Amino acid sequence: MQGFQMDLISEHRLAEMAPVEKVRFIIDEVREGKILVLEKGLSPAEEASLIEMTMTLIEPDGFSGIEMESYPAEVDTSIFGRLLKKNTIKSRLTVIGPADQLKTLRKDRNMISALISTHK
């Protein structure tokens, strides 16, 4: 049977990991050809670290890198947040997969449309 594996990763599971562990976990899973859907996206620093580490691992006939799409972050504008004058940024769902298998077709504020190929 041909196909791909998609893992839905809970916010709780990622919260238990240090930033370096998250990046390593994501890269290891994607190198195995898995598509990851993170319930809560990564912080900007974690995304930068993921991209940086991925770039060092790309091989011409091997690992092609990652494709990553997230919904735009939202600012918490709740009454509680406004009273404390804190604008907490809420990260949102993120889709990550091998660059040679995952292609973003369309992305807007509320939807990510992607094509997932079983051919490398």
Protein backbone atom coordinates (compact mmCIF):
# COMPACT_ATOMS: atom_id res chain seq x y z
CA MET A 1 0.00 0.00 0.00
CA GLN A 2 1.36 3.41 -0.98
CA GLY A 3 0.79 6.41 1.18
CA PHE A 4 2.20 8.71 3.75
CA GLN A 5 1.99 8.96 7.51
CA MET A 6 0.43 12.04 9.09
CA ASP A 7 0.93 12.61 12.81
CA LEU A 8 -1.24 15.08 14.73
CA ILE A 9 0.87 16.40 17.61
CA SER A 10 -0.92 17.84 20.65
CA GLU A 11 0.02 21.13 22.26
CA HIS A 12 0.60 19.20 25.50
CA ARG A 13 3.22 16.88 23.98
CA LEU A 14 5.26 19.76 22.57
CA ALA A 15 4.93 21.79 25.81
CA GLU A 16 6.81 19.01 27.61
CA MET A 17 9.84 19.47 25.32
CA ALA A 18 12.61 22.05 25.42
CA PRO A 19 12.95 24.14 22.22
CA VAL A 20 15.97 22.13 21.02
CA GLU A 21 14.08 18.87 21.64
CA LYS A 22 11.10 20.13 19.59
CA VAL A 23 13.33 21.01 16.65
CA ARG A 24 15.17 17.68 16.78
CA PHE A 25 11.88 15.75 17.10
CA ILE A 26 10.36 17.54 14.09
CA ILE A 27 13.43 17.03 11.91
CA ASP A 28 13.72 13.35 12.82
CA GLU A 29 10.04 12.73 12.01
CA VAL A 30 10.12 14.65 8.73
CA ARG A 31 13.32 12.87 7.62
CA GLU A 32 11.34 9.63 7.99
CA GLY A 33 8.84 11.05 5.48
CA LYS A 34 6.08 11.92 7.96
CA ILE A 35 3.76 14.90 7.69
CA LEU A 36 3.30 16.61 11.07
CA VAL A 37 0.35 18.73 12.11
CA LEU A 38 1.15 20.66 15.27
CA GLU A 39 -1.88 21.72 17.30
CA LYS A 40 0.01 24.77 18.52
CA GLY A 41 2.65 26.25 16.25
CA LEU A 42 6.24 27.03 17.10
CA SER A 43 7.56 30.30 18.44
CA PRO A 44 9.41 32.52 15.96
CA ALA A 45 12.72 31.54 17.60
CA GLU A 46 11.86 27.82 17.30
CA GLU A 47 10.88 28.25 13.65
CA ALA A 48 14.17 30.03 12.94
CA SER A 49 16.10 27.27 14.70
CA LEU A 50 14.20 24.59 12.75
CA ILE A 51 14.96 26.26 9.42
CA GLU A 52 18.61 26.80 10.34
CA MET A 53 19.14 23.17 11.42
CA THR A 54 17.25 21.86 8.39
CA MET A 55 19.47 23.82 6.01
CA THR A 56 22.56 22.08 7.43
CA LEU A 57 21.03 18.63 6.82
CA ILE A 58 19.97 18.99 3.17
CA GLU A 59 21.67 16.46 0.86
CA PRO A 60 21.46 16.53 -2.97
CA ASP A 61 20.21 12.93 -3.31
CA GLY A 62 18.81 12.55 0.20
CA PHE A 63 16.96 14.87 2.55
CA SER A 64 15.38 17.70 0.53
CA GLY A 65 14.43 19.92 3.46
CA ILE A 66 11.05 20.84 4.90
CA GLU A 67 7.91 22.65 3.84
CA MET A 68 6.21 24.47 6.71
CA GLU A 69 2.99 26.48 6.82
CA SER A 70 1.24 28.03 9.80
CA TYR A 71 -1.85 30.09 10.27
CA PRO A 72 -0.92 33.68 11.04
CA ALA A 73 -0.42 34.26 14.77
CA GLU A 74 -3.17 36.01 16.66
CA VAL A 75 -2.83 38.58 19.41
CA ASP A 76 -4.83 37.89 22.57
CA THR A 77 -7.08 40.91 22.93
CA SER A 78 -9.15 39.59 25.83
CA ILE A 79 -10.33 41.95 28.55
CA PHE A 80 -7.88 40.34 30.97
CA GLY A 81 -5.02 40.89 28.52
CA ARG A 82 -6.03 44.51 27.95
CA LEU A 83 -6.25 45.19 31.70
CA LEU A 84 -2.71 43.92 32.16
CA LYS A 85 -1.66 45.68 28.94
CA LYS A 86 -0.22 42.43 27.67
CA ASN A 87 -0.59 41.47 24.04
CA THR A 88 0.07 37.77 24.19
CA ILE A 89 0.71 36.24 20.79
CA LYS A 90 -1.12 32.96 20.28
CA SER A 91 0.56 30.66 17.79
CA ARG A 92 -1.73 28.46 15.73
CA LEU A 93 -1.76 25.14 13.90
CA THR A 94 1.32 24.34 11.80
CA VAL A 95 1.80 21.75 9.03
CA ILE A 96 5.35 20.48 8.44
CA GLY A 97 6.56 17.83 5.99
CA PRO A 98 9.29 16.84 3.56
CA ALA A 99 9.79 19.51 0.89
CA ASP A 100 9.64 16.91 -1.88
CA GLN A 101 6.23 15.60 -0.71
CA LEU A 102 4.33 18.58 0.71
CA LYS A 103 3.40 21.59 -1.41
CA THR A 104 1.28 24.48 -0.20
CA LEU A 105 -1.40 25.31 -2.74
CA ARG A 106 -3.16 28.09 -0.89
CA LYS A 107 -3.07 29.72 2.52
CA ASP A 108 -5.27 32.34 4.11
CA ARG A 109 -6.21 33.38 7.62
CA ASN A 110 -8.40 30.32 8.24
CA MET A 111 -7.32 27.59 5.83
CA ILE A 112 -4.17 25.90 4.57
CA SER A 113 -4.60 23.87 1.39
CA ALA A 114 -1.73 21.50 0.62
CA LEU A 115 -0.94 18.79 -1.89
CA ILE A 116 0.76 15.72 -0.45
CA SER A 117 2.56 13.48 -2.93
CA THR A 118 3.52 9.86 -2.31
CA HIS A 119 6.21 10.07 -5.02
CA LYS A 120 9.63 11.41 -4.20
